[in-house]
Amino acid sequence: MARVYLIIGIISLAFTIFAFIDCIRTRDEDVRGIPKIFWAILIVLLSPFGGILWFALGKERYSRRPAQTQVGTGPRAPDDDPAFLRQLGEDKAREERIRELEARLAELDDDQDKPKN
């Protein structure tokens, strides 16, 4: 029977430490009810019930599934994204300007290489 109490005590201590660390690492904006320092004290004093209260009442819960987004505001495929398409157009124009400049430089280079009569 002593082993059972020892195991329960170790599990209770581990849960209390976990809840305390979680409380300390939680942002102040995500704490409900009372200030974070009071939650930390409550977790330690009411072990393990303080940890249960912390997870049930003190910490803001977030849904694991993504929030419902309005049509057209979520991520888009690259071919549907106007910014991406605009960037492609700018890249194409930039490449064309570079080709034109290289062609002009090649012509100037050819003109300088020709012997003057």
N, C-alpha and C. Protein backbone atom coordinates (compact mmCIF):
# COMPACT_ATOMS: atom_id res chain seq x y z
N MET A 1 0.83 -1.20 0.00
CA MET A 1 0.00 0.00 0.00
C MET A 1 0.87 1.26 0.00
N ALA A 2 2.03 1.16 0.60
CA ALA A 2 2.94 2.30 0.64
C ALA A 2 3.41 2.67 -0.76
N ARG A 3 3.58 1.66 -1.61
CA ARG A 3 4.01 1.93 -2.98
C ARG A 3 2.95 2.74 -3.73
N VAL A 4 1.71 2.41 -3.52
CA VAL A 4 0.61 3.13 -4.18
C VAL A 4 0.62 4.59 -3.75
N TYR A 5 0.78 4.84 -2.44
CA TYR A 5 0.84 6.22 -1.96
C TYR A 5 2.06 6.96 -2.51
N LEU A 6 3.17 6.25 -2.62
CA LEU A 6 4.38 6.86 -3.16
C LEU A 6 4.18 7.23 -4.63
N ILE A 7 3.59 6.33 -5.40
CA ILE A 7 3.35 6.60 -6.82
C ILE A 7 2.36 7.75 -6.99
N ILE A 8 1.29 7.76 -6.21
CA ILE A 8 0.32 8.85 -6.27
C ILE A 8 0.97 10.17 -5.87
N GLY A 9 1.83 10.14 -4.86
CA GLY A 9 2.54 11.35 -4.44
C GLY A 9 3.47 11.88 -5.51
N ILE A 10 4.18 10.98 -6.19
CA ILE A 10 5.10 11.40 -7.26
C ILE A 10 4.31 11.97 -8.43
N ILE A 11 3.22 11.32 -8.79
CA ILE A 11 2.38 11.84 -9.89
C ILE A 11 1.80 13.20 -9.52
N SER A 12 1.36 13.34 -8.27
CA SER A 12 0.80 14.62 -7.82
C SER A 12 1.86 15.72 -7.85
N LEU A 13 3.07 15.40 -7.40
CA LEU A 13 4.16 16.38 -7.41
C LEU A 13 4.52 16.77 -8.85
N ALA A 14 4.61 15.78 -9.74
CA ALA A 14 4.94 16.06 -11.14
C ALA A 14 3.86 16.93 -11.78
N PHE A 15 2.60 16.63 -11.52
CA PHE A 15 1.51 17.43 -12.08
C PHE A 15 1.55 18.86 -11.54
N THR A 16 1.84 19.01 -10.25
CA THR A 16 1.91 20.34 -9.65
C THR A 16 3.06 21.15 -10.26
N ILE A 17 4.20 20.51 -10.45
CA ILE A 17 5.35 21.20 -11.06
C ILE A 17 5.01 21.59 -12.50
N PHE A 18 4.37 20.68 -13.22
CA PHE A 18 3.98 20.97 -14.60
C PHE A 18 3.01 22.15 -14.65
N ALA A 19 2.00 22.15 -13.80
CA ALA A 19 1.02 23.24 -13.77
C ALA A 19 1.68 24.55 -13.38
N PHE A 20 2.60 24.51 -12.40
CA PHE A 20 3.28 25.72 -11.96
C PHE A 20 4.12 26.32 -13.09
N ILE A 21 4.88 25.49 -13.77
CA ILE A 21 5.71 25.97 -14.89
C ILE A 21 4.83 26.50 -16.02
N ASP A 22 3.73 25.80 -16.30
CA ASP A 22 2.82 26.27 -17.34
C ASP A 22 2.24 27.63 -16.96
N CYS A 23 1.90 27.81 -15.71
CA CYS A 23 1.36 29.10 -15.23
C CYS A 23 2.39 30.21 -15.40
N ILE A 24 3.62 29.93 -15.02
CA ILE A 24 4.68 30.94 -15.11
C ILE A 24 4.96 31.32 -16.56
N ARG A 25 4.92 30.36 -17.46
CA ARG A 25 5.24 30.61 -18.86
C ARG A 25 4.08 31.18 -19.67
N THR A 26 2.87 31.16 -19.12
CA THR A 26 1.71 31.68 -19.83
C THR A 26 1.76 33.21 -19.84
N ARG A 27 1.40 33.79 -20.98
CA ARG A 27 1.38 35.25 -21.08
C ARG A 27 0.30 35.82 -20.18
N ASP A 28 0.53 37.03 -19.66
CA ASP A 28 -0.44 37.67 -18.76
C ASP A 28 -1.80 37.86 -19.43
N GLU A 29 -1.82 38.08 -20.73
CA GLU A 29 -3.08 38.29 -21.44
C GLU A 29 -3.93 37.03 -21.50
N ASP A 30 -3.30 35.86 -21.33
CA ASP A 30 -4.01 34.59 -21.45
C ASP A 30 -4.47 34.03 -20.11
N VAL A 31 -4.30 34.78 -19.04
CA VAL A 31 -4.70 34.33 -17.70
C VAL A 31 -6.08 34.89 -17.39
N ARG A 32 -6.97 34.01 -16.90
CA ARG A 32 -8.32 34.44 -16.57
C ARG A 32 -8.51 34.47 -15.07
N GLY A 33 -9.44 35.29 -14.63
CA GLY A 33 -9.84 35.30 -13.22
C GLY A 33 -8.97 36.19 -12.36
N ILE A 34 -7.92 35.63 -11.81
CA ILE A 34 -7.05 36.37 -10.89
C ILE A 34 -5.67 36.53 -11.52
N PRO A 35 -4.83 37.43 -11.00
CA PRO A 35 -3.50 37.61 -11.58
C PRO A 35 -2.66 36.33 -11.53
N LYS A 36 -1.69 36.27 -12.41
CA LYS A 36 -0.88 35.07 -12.58
C LYS A 36 -0.13 34.68 -11.31
N ILE A 37 0.37 35.64 -10.55
CA ILE A 37 1.11 35.33 -9.33
C ILE A 37 0.22 34.61 -8.31
N PHE A 38 -1.04 35.00 -8.24
CA PHE A 38 -1.97 34.34 -7.32
C PHE A 38 -2.29 32.92 -7.80
N TRP A 39 -2.36 32.74 -9.11
CA TRP A 39 -2.56 31.39 -9.63
C TRP A 39 -1.37 30.51 -9.25
N ALA A 40 -0.16 31.03 -9.38
CA ALA A 40 1.03 30.25 -9.04
C ALA A 40 1.01 29.84 -7.56
N ILE A 41 0.64 30.77 -6.68
CA ILE A 41 0.55 30.46 -5.26
C ILE A 41 -0.54 29.43 -5.01
N LEU A 42 -1.66 29.58 -5.67
CA LEU A 42 -2.78 28.66 -5.51
C LEU A 42 -2.40 27.24 -5.97
N ILE A 43 -1.66 27.16 -7.05
CA ILE A 43 -1.22 25.85 -7.57
C ILE A 43 -0.36 25.13 -6.55
N VAL A 44 0.56 25.87 -5.92
CA VAL A 44 1.47 25.25 -4.95
C VAL A 44 0.74 24.90 -3.66
N LEU A 45 -0.11 25.80 -3.17
CA LEU A 45 -0.78 25.57 -1.88
C LEU A 45 -1.85 24.49 -1.94
N LEU A 46 -2.54 24.39 -3.05
CA LEU A 46 -3.64 23.43 -3.16
C LEU A 46 -3.26 22.22 -4.03
N SER A 47 -2.02 21.81 -3.95
CA SER A 47 -1.54 20.69 -4.76
C SER A 47 -2.37 19.44 -4.51
N PRO A 48 -2.78 18.74 -5.51
CA PRO A 48 -2.79 18.90 -6.96
C PRO A 48 -4.03 19.62 -7.46
N PHE A 49 -4.95 19.98 -6.57
CA PHE A 49 -6.21 20.61 -6.99
C PHE A 49 -5.98 22.00 -7.58
N GLY A 50 -4.93 22.68 -7.13
CA GLY A 50 -4.60 23.98 -7.71
C GLY A 50 -4.27 23.87 -9.19
N GLY A 51 -3.54 22.82 -9.55
CA GLY A 51 -3.22 22.59 -10.96
C GLY A 51 -4.45 22.29 -11.79
N ILE A 52 -5.35 21.52 -11.20
CA ILE A 52 -6.61 21.21 -11.90
C ILE A 52 -7.41 22.49 -12.10
N LEU A 53 -7.47 23.32 -11.06
CA LEU A 53 -8.18 24.60 -11.19
C LEU A 53 -7.52 25.49 -12.24
N TRP A 54 -6.18 25.49 -12.26
CA TRP A 54 -5.46 26.31 -13.23
C TRP A 54 -5.85 25.92 -14.65
N PHE A 55 -5.81 24.63 -14.96
CA PHE A 55 -6.12 24.20 -16.32
C PHE A 55 -7.61 24.34 -16.64
N ALA A 56 -8.47 24.22 -15.63
CA ALA A 56 -9.91 24.30 -15.88
C ALA A 56 -10.40 25.75 -15.95
N LEU A 57 -9.87 26.62 -15.08
CA LEU A 57 -10.43 27.97 -14.97
C LEU A 57 -9.45 29.10 -15.27
N GLY A 58 -8.18 28.91 -15.02
CA GLY A 58 -7.23 30.01 -15.06
C GLY A 58 -6.61 30.31 -16.39
N LYS A 59 -6.50 29.32 -17.25
CA LYS A 59 -5.80 29.50 -18.51
C LYS A 59 -6.79 29.63 -19.65
N GLU A 60 -6.55 30.60 -20.51
CA GLU A 60 -7.40 30.80 -21.69
C GLU A 60 -7.24 29.61 -22.62
N ARG A 61 -8.34 29.08 -23.10
CA ARG A 61 -8.30 27.91 -23.99
C ARG A 61 -8.37 28.37 -25.44
N TYR A 62 -7.65 27.66 -26.26
CA TYR A 62 -7.67 27.94 -27.70
C TYR A 62 -8.09 26.67 -28.42
N SER A 63 -8.89 26.86 -29.43
CA SER A 63 -9.36 25.74 -30.22
C SER A 63 -8.21 25.22 -31.08
N ARG A 64 -8.12 23.91 -31.25
CA ARG A 64 -7.07 23.33 -32.08
C ARG A 64 -7.41 23.43 -33.57
N ARG A 65 -8.68 23.51 -33.90
CA ARG A 65 -9.03 23.60 -35.31
C ARG A 65 -8.93 25.06 -35.74
N PRO A 66 -8.60 25.30 -36.97
CA PRO A 66 -8.46 26.68 -37.44
C PRO A 66 -9.79 27.43 -37.39
N ALA A 67 -9.69 28.70 -37.16
CA ALA A 67 -10.89 29.54 -37.10
C ALA A 67 -11.53 29.61 -38.49
N GLN A 68 -12.83 29.77 -38.51
CA GLN A 68 -13.53 29.90 -39.79
C GLN A 68 -13.14 31.21 -40.43
N THR A 69 -12.72 31.15 -41.65
CA THR A 69 -12.31 32.35 -42.35
C THR A 69 -13.37 32.71 -43.38
N GLN A 70 -13.41 33.98 -43.71
CA GLN A 70 -14.33 34.43 -44.74
C GLN A 70 -13.79 33.99 -46.09
N VAL A 71 -14.69 33.89 -47.03
CA VAL A 71 -14.29 33.47 -48.36
C VAL A 71 -13.36 34.53 -48.94
N GLY A 72 -12.22 34.08 -49.44
CA GLY A 72 -11.28 35.00 -50.08
C GLY A 72 -10.24 35.58 -49.14
N THR A 73 -10.31 35.33 -47.85
CA THR A 73 -9.33 35.91 -46.95
C THR A 73 -8.28 34.91 -46.52
N GLY A 74 -8.47 33.64 -46.81
CA GLY A 74 -7.52 32.61 -46.39
C GLY A 74 -6.35 32.53 -47.35
N PRO A 75 -5.51 31.55 -47.14
CA PRO A 75 -4.36 31.38 -48.04
C PRO A 75 -4.85 31.05 -49.45
N ARG A 76 -4.10 31.50 -50.40
CA ARG A 76 -4.48 31.30 -51.80
C ARG A 76 -3.41 30.49 -52.51
N ALA A 77 -3.83 29.91 -53.60
CA ALA A 77 -2.86 29.26 -54.47
C ALA A 77 -2.06 30.37 -55.16
N PRO A 78 -0.81 30.12 -55.49
CA PRO A 78 0.01 31.18 -56.10
C PRO A 78 -0.61 31.79 -57.35
N ASP A 79 -1.29 30.99 -58.16
CA ASP A 79 -1.86 31.55 -59.39
C ASP A 79 -3.13 32.36 -59.13
N ASP A 80 -3.64 32.36 -57.89
CA ASP A 80 -4.80 33.17 -57.54
C ASP A 80 -4.42 34.41 -56.73
N ASP A 81 -3.18 34.52 -56.35
CA ASP A 81 -2.72 35.61 -55.49
C ASP A 81 -2.26 36.78 -56.36
N PRO A 82 -2.95 37.92 -56.28
CA PRO A 82 -2.57 39.06 -57.13
C PRO A 82 -1.15 39.56 -56.85
N ALA A 83 -0.72 39.53 -55.60
CA ALA A 83 0.63 39.99 -55.28
C ALA A 83 1.67 39.09 -55.94
N PHE A 84 1.44 37.79 -55.91
CA PHE A 84 2.37 36.86 -56.54
C PHE A 84 2.41 37.08 -58.05
N LEU A 85 1.23 37.24 -58.66
CA LEU A 85 1.18 37.46 -60.10
C LEU A 85 1.85 38.78 -60.47
N ARG A 86 1.66 39.81 -59.65
CA ARG A 86 2.30 41.10 -59.90
C ARG A 86 3.83 40.94 -59.84
N GLN A 87 4.30 40.16 -58.86
CA GLN A 87 5.74 39.93 -58.72
C GLN A 87 6.29 39.20 -59.94
N LEU A 88 5.52 38.25 -60.46
CA LEU A 88 5.95 37.56 -61.66
C LEU A 88 6.08 38.52 -62.83
N GLY A 89 5.11 39.43 -62.96
CA GLY A 89 5.17 40.42 -64.03
C GLY A 89 6.37 41.34 -63.88
N GLU A 90 6.65 41.75 -62.66
CA GLU A 90 7.82 42.61 -62.42
C GLU A 90 9.11 41.86 -62.71
N ASP A 91 9.17 40.59 -62.34
CA ASP A 91 10.37 39.80 -62.64
C ASP A 91 10.57 39.66 -64.14
N LYS A 92 9.47 39.44 -64.87
CA LYS A 92 9.56 39.28 -66.32
C LYS A 92 10.04 40.59 -66.97
N ALA A 93 9.50 41.73 -66.50
CA ALA A 93 9.90 43.02 -67.04
C ALA A 93 11.37 43.29 -66.73
N ARG A 94 11.81 42.94 -65.54
CA ARG A 94 13.20 43.15 -65.14
C ARG A 94 14.13 42.31 -66.01
N GLU A 95 13.76 41.07 -66.25
CA GLU A 95 14.57 40.20 -67.11
C GLU A 95 14.67 40.75 -68.53
N GLU A 96 13.55 41.29 -69.03
CA GLU A 96 13.54 41.86 -70.38
C GLU A 96 14.45 43.08 -70.45
N ARG A 97 14.41 43.94 -69.42
CA ARG A 97 15.30 45.12 -69.40
C ARG A 97 16.77 44.69 -69.37
N ILE A 98 17.06 43.65 -68.61
CA ILE A 98 18.44 43.16 -68.54
C ILE A 98 18.88 42.65 -69.91
N ARG A 99 18.02 41.90 -70.61
CA ARG A 99 18.37 41.41 -71.94
C ARG A 99 18.62 42.56 -72.91
N GLU A 100 17.77 43.60 -72.85
CA GLU A 100 17.95 44.76 -73.73
C GLU A 100 19.27 45.46 -73.44
N LEU A 101 19.59 45.64 -72.17
CA LEU A 101 20.86 46.30 -71.82
C LEU A 101 22.05 45.47 -72.26
N GLU A 102 21.96 44.16 -72.10
CA GLU A 102 23.06 43.30 -72.55
C GLU A 102 23.22 43.38 -74.06
N ALA A 103 22.10 43.44 -74.78
CA ALA A 103 22.18 43.55 -76.24
C ALA A 103 22.83 44.88 -76.63
N ARG A 104 22.45 45.97 -75.97
CA ARG A 104 23.06 47.28 -76.27
C ARG A 104 24.56 47.27 -75.98
N LEU A 105 24.92 46.67 -74.83
CA LEU A 105 26.34 46.60 -74.51
C LEU A 105 27.11 45.77 -75.53
N ALA A 106 26.50 44.71 -76.00
CA ALA A 106 27.15 43.88 -77.01
C ALA A 106 27.34 44.68 -78.30
N GLU A 107 26.33 45.46 -78.69
CA GLU A 107 26.44 46.31 -79.89
C GLU A 107 27.54 47.34 -79.72
N LEU A 108 27.59 47.99 -78.55
CA LEU A 108 28.63 48.98 -78.32
C LEU A 108 30.01 48.34 -78.33
N ASP A 109 30.08 47.13 -77.78
CA ASP A 109 31.35 46.41 -77.77
C ASP A 109 31.79 46.08 -79.19
N ASP A 110 30.83 45.67 -80.04
CA ASP A 110 31.13 45.35 -81.43
C ASP A 110 31.57 46.60 -82.17
N ASP A 111 30.94 47.74 -81.89
CA ASP A 111 31.29 48.99 -82.57
C ASP A 111 32.71 49.40 -82.22
N GLN A 112 33.12 49.19 -81.00
CA GLN A 112 34.48 49.58 -80.59
C GLN A 112 35.52 48.65 -81.16
N ASP A 113 35.17 47.41 -81.39
CA ASP A 113 36.11 46.44 -81.91
C ASP A 113 36.38 46.61 -83.41
N LYS A 114 35.45 47.23 -84.16
CA LYS A 114 35.60 47.42 -85.59
C LYS A 114 36.71 48.47 -85.82
N PRO A 115 37.56 48.23 -86.81
CA PRO A 115 38.62 49.23 -87.11
C PRO A 115 38.02 50.46 -87.77
N LYS A 116 38.54 51.60 -87.40
CA LYS A 116 38.06 52.85 -87.99
C LYS A 116 38.81 53.08 -89.29
N ASN A 117 38.10 53.49 -90.36
CA ASN A 117 38.71 53.73 -91.68
C ASN A 117 39.17 55.11 -91.83
